[in-house]
Protein backbone atom coordinates (compact mmCIF):
# COMPACT_ATOMS: atom_id res chain seq x y z
CA MET A 1 -0.51 -0.03 -0.60
CA ARG A 2 2.54 2.64 0.87
CA GLY A 3 4.20 1.99 -2.74
CA LEU A 4 0.88 2.56 -4.02
CA VAL A 5 0.30 5.54 -2.32
CA ALA A 6 4.27 6.53 -3.33
CA SER A 7 3.57 6.58 -6.78
CA PHE A 8 0.12 8.62 -6.89
CA VAL A 9 2.15 11.17 -5.11
CA ALA A 10 5.10 10.78 -7.74
CA GLY A 11 2.57 11.00 -10.44
CA THR A 12 0.69 14.14 -9.18
CA LEU A 13 3.53 15.76 -8.15
CA PHE A 14 5.04 14.82 -12.33
CA ALA A 15 1.40 16.62 -13.37
CA LEU A 16 1.95 19.45 -11.23
CA GLY A 17 5.47 19.95 -12.86
CA LEU A 18 4.14 19.91 -16.75
CA GLY A 19 1.21 21.75 -15.62
CA ILE A 20 3.14 24.29 -14.14
CA SER A 21 6.15 24.30 -16.72
CA GLY A 22 3.71 24.39 -19.52
CA MET A 23 4.62 21.48 -21.25
CA THR A 24 1.13 20.39 -21.56
CA LYS A 25 0.56 22.75 -24.24
CA PRO A 26 1.87 21.25 -28.20
CA SER A 27 3.27 24.39 -28.69
CA LYS A 28 5.56 24.41 -26.46
CA VAL A 29 6.92 21.27 -28.24
CA VAL A 30 6.34 22.80 -31.65
CA GLY A 31 8.29 26.23 -30.32
CA PHE A 32 11.19 24.32 -29.34
CA LEU A 33 11.51 22.42 -32.61
CA ASP A 34 10.76 25.52 -34.41
CA LEU A 35 14.85 26.48 -34.85
CA PHE A 36 14.17 29.01 -37.41
CA GLY A 37 11.44 30.77 -36.26
CA ALA A 38 9.79 31.59 -33.04
CA TRP A 39 12.22 29.67 -30.84
CA ASP A 40 11.15 28.70 -27.50
CA PRO A 41 13.79 27.55 -25.70
CA SER A 42 11.70 26.52 -22.19
CA LEU A 43 11.33 22.70 -23.14
CA ALA A 44 15.43 22.74 -23.11
CA PHE A 45 15.45 24.43 -19.71
CA VAL A 46 12.91 21.72 -18.28
CA MET A 47 14.92 18.74 -19.70
CA MET A 48 17.80 20.06 -18.16
CA GLY A 49 16.26 20.50 -14.85
CA GLY A 50 14.61 17.20 -15.06
CA VAL A 51 18.13 15.49 -16.07
CA VAL A 52 19.95 17.32 -13.24
CA VAL A 53 17.85 16.32 -10.57
CA TYR A 54 17.96 12.71 -12.06
CA GLY A 55 21.19 12.71 -12.19
CA VAL A 56 21.80 13.66 -8.52
CA LEU A 57 19.13 11.78 -6.93
CA PHE A 58 19.81 8.51 -9.06
CA ARG A 59 23.55 8.51 -7.23
CA LEU A 60 22.31 8.95 -3.99
CA ILE A 61 19.42 6.54 -4.20
CA VAL A 62 21.28 3.55 -5.76
CA ARG A 63 23.90 3.78 -2.87
CA ARG A 64 21.25 1.91 -0.45
CA LYS A 65 20.82 -1.37 0.16
CA ALA A 66 17.11 -1.54 -1.28
CA PRO A 67 14.91 1.38 -2.45
CA LEU A 68 11.86 2.04 0.29
CA PHE A 69 9.31 -0.07 -1.15
CA SER A 70 10.90 -2.81 -2.71
CA THR A 71 13.66 -5.62 -1.57
CA ARG A 72 15.81 -4.73 -4.61
CA PHE A 73 15.92 -2.21 -7.25
CA HIS A 74 14.94 -3.05 -10.66
CA LEU A 75 17.38 -1.59 -13.15
CA PRO A 76 17.67 -2.05 -16.47
CA THR A 77 20.41 -4.27 -17.63
CA ARG A 78 20.38 -4.21 -21.26
CA ALA A 79 22.77 -1.96 -22.89
CA ASP A 80 22.74 -2.67 -26.21
CA LEU A 81 20.68 -0.99 -29.31
CA ASP A 82 18.76 -2.95 -31.32
CA VAL A 83 16.36 -1.92 -34.87
CA ARG A 84 13.86 -1.59 -32.32
CA LEU A 85 14.67 0.43 -30.37
CA VAL A 86 16.36 2.96 -33.06
CA LEU A 87 12.66 2.66 -34.72
CA GLY A 88 11.21 3.01 -32.21
CA SER A 89 12.71 6.04 -30.78
CA ALA A 90 12.28 7.70 -34.15
CA LEU A 91 8.57 7.41 -34.27
CA PHE A 92 8.15 8.64 -30.90
CA GLY A 93 10.10 11.38 -31.91
CA ILE A 94 8.43 12.02 -35.05
CA GLY A 95 4.74 11.67 -33.22
CA TRP A 96 5.97 13.89 -30.69
CA GLY A 97 7.03 16.93 -33.73
CA LEU A 98 4.11 16.16 -35.36
CA GLY A 99 1.26 16.05 -32.50
CA GLY A 100 2.87 18.20 -29.74
CA TYR A 101 2.28 15.19 -26.87
CA CYS A 102 4.63 12.86 -25.36
CA PRO A 103 2.83 10.18 -23.07
CA GLY A 104 3.25 12.26 -19.92
CA PRO A 105 1.86 15.36 -20.95
CA GLY A 106 -0.79 14.06 -23.28
CA VAL A 107 -2.11 11.89 -19.68
CA VAL A 108 -2.35 15.22 -17.94
CA SER A 109 -3.59 16.95 -20.96
CA LEU A 110 -6.77 14.38 -20.71
CA ALA A 111 -7.47 16.72 -17.55
CA SER A 112 -8.69 19.53 -19.63
CA GLY A 113 -10.79 17.56 -22.05
CA SER A 114 -8.96 18.44 -25.13
CA LEU A 115 -9.96 16.40 -28.50
CA PRO A 116 -6.52 16.53 -29.27
CA ALA A 117 -5.56 15.10 -26.02
CA ILE A 118 -8.25 12.46 -26.14
CA VAL A 119 -7.08 11.48 -29.81
CA PHE A 120 -3.58 10.97 -28.71
CA VAL A 121 -4.10 8.99 -25.83
CA VAL A 122 -6.52 6.98 -27.50
CA SER A 123 -4.47 6.64 -30.07
CA MET A 124 -1.24 5.93 -28.37
CA ALA A 125 -2.94 3.12 -27.04
CA VAL A 126 -4.45 1.54 -29.48
CA GLY A 127 -0.72 1.49 -30.74
CA ALA A 128 0.82 0.13 -27.85
CA LYS A 129 -2.21 -2.78 -27.96
CA ALA A 130 -1.35 -3.15 -31.93
CA GLU A 131 2.49 -3.72 -31.02
CA HIS A 132 1.62 -5.66 -28.28
CA ALA A 133 -0.34 -8.10 -30.18
CA LEU A 134 1.88 -7.80 -32.63
CA ARG A 135 4.96 -9.17 -30.98
CA TRP A 136 2.81 -12.12 -29.38
CA TRP A 137 1.37 -13.15 -32.92
CA ARG A 138 5.32 -13.34 -33.90
CA ALA A 139 6.18 -15.21 -30.50
CA SER A 140 3.66 -17.59 -31.19
CA ALA A 141 4.46 -18.01 -34.91
CA ALA A 142 8.31 -18.89 -33.77
CA GLY A 143 6.76 -21.12 -31.22
CA GLN A 144 8.66 -18.98 -28.14
CA ASP A 145 6.97 -19.05 -24.43
CA GLU A 146 7.83 -15.03 -23.86
CA LEU A 147 8.07 -12.31 -25.95
CA ASP A 148 11.64 -11.01 -25.16
CA GLY A 149 13.25 -13.52 -23.41
CA ASP A 150 12.61 -11.01 -20.80
CA GLY A 151 8.62 -11.47 -20.73
CA GLY A 152 8.51 -7.99 -20.56
CA GLY A 153 8.60 -5.03 -22.91
CA THR A 154 7.64 -1.22 -22.91
CA GLY A 155 5.45 0.40 -19.92
CA ALA A 156 3.21 1.21 -22.83
CA ASP A 157 2.82 -2.00 -24.07
CA GLN A 158 2.50 -3.55 -20.62
CA LEU A 159 -0.17 -0.82 -19.31
CA ALA A 160 -2.17 -1.32 -22.90
CA ALA A 161 -2.04 -5.35 -22.16
CA GLY A 162 -3.54 -4.73 -18.77
CA SER A 163 -0.60 -5.81 -17.08
């Protein structure tokens, strides 16, 4: 229960930070990408602030024997780049640039009830579910028991799959 409360508090803090910084407005992202027009550097400052806070806190937190609400840290173990990662990153960036939303601000923007935010989040969920179904179908056709060998995938496809 404490972990659930901590997750809720962290998510609320993240949502408030996105709202206060204006990062739920697609025009902020489009303005940041408009290098030769009305360039808006505010997204760069938000990113730099996030990277600095993460960098400092991560180093302090992993020095502990275990996290507060688990018996061990669950850190990524893969360090390789593969085609799926590169193509997925490119697709994410293209979608972010065209739509002005990425998952966090998109979900936070649902509270506004705006049609573009609703279309974005529904499309994201459908895309994640379709990717999960395609991986399952390909693994089944190949006779594999697990999807990736790690039983996982991205948080988005796990969310869409109801995991």
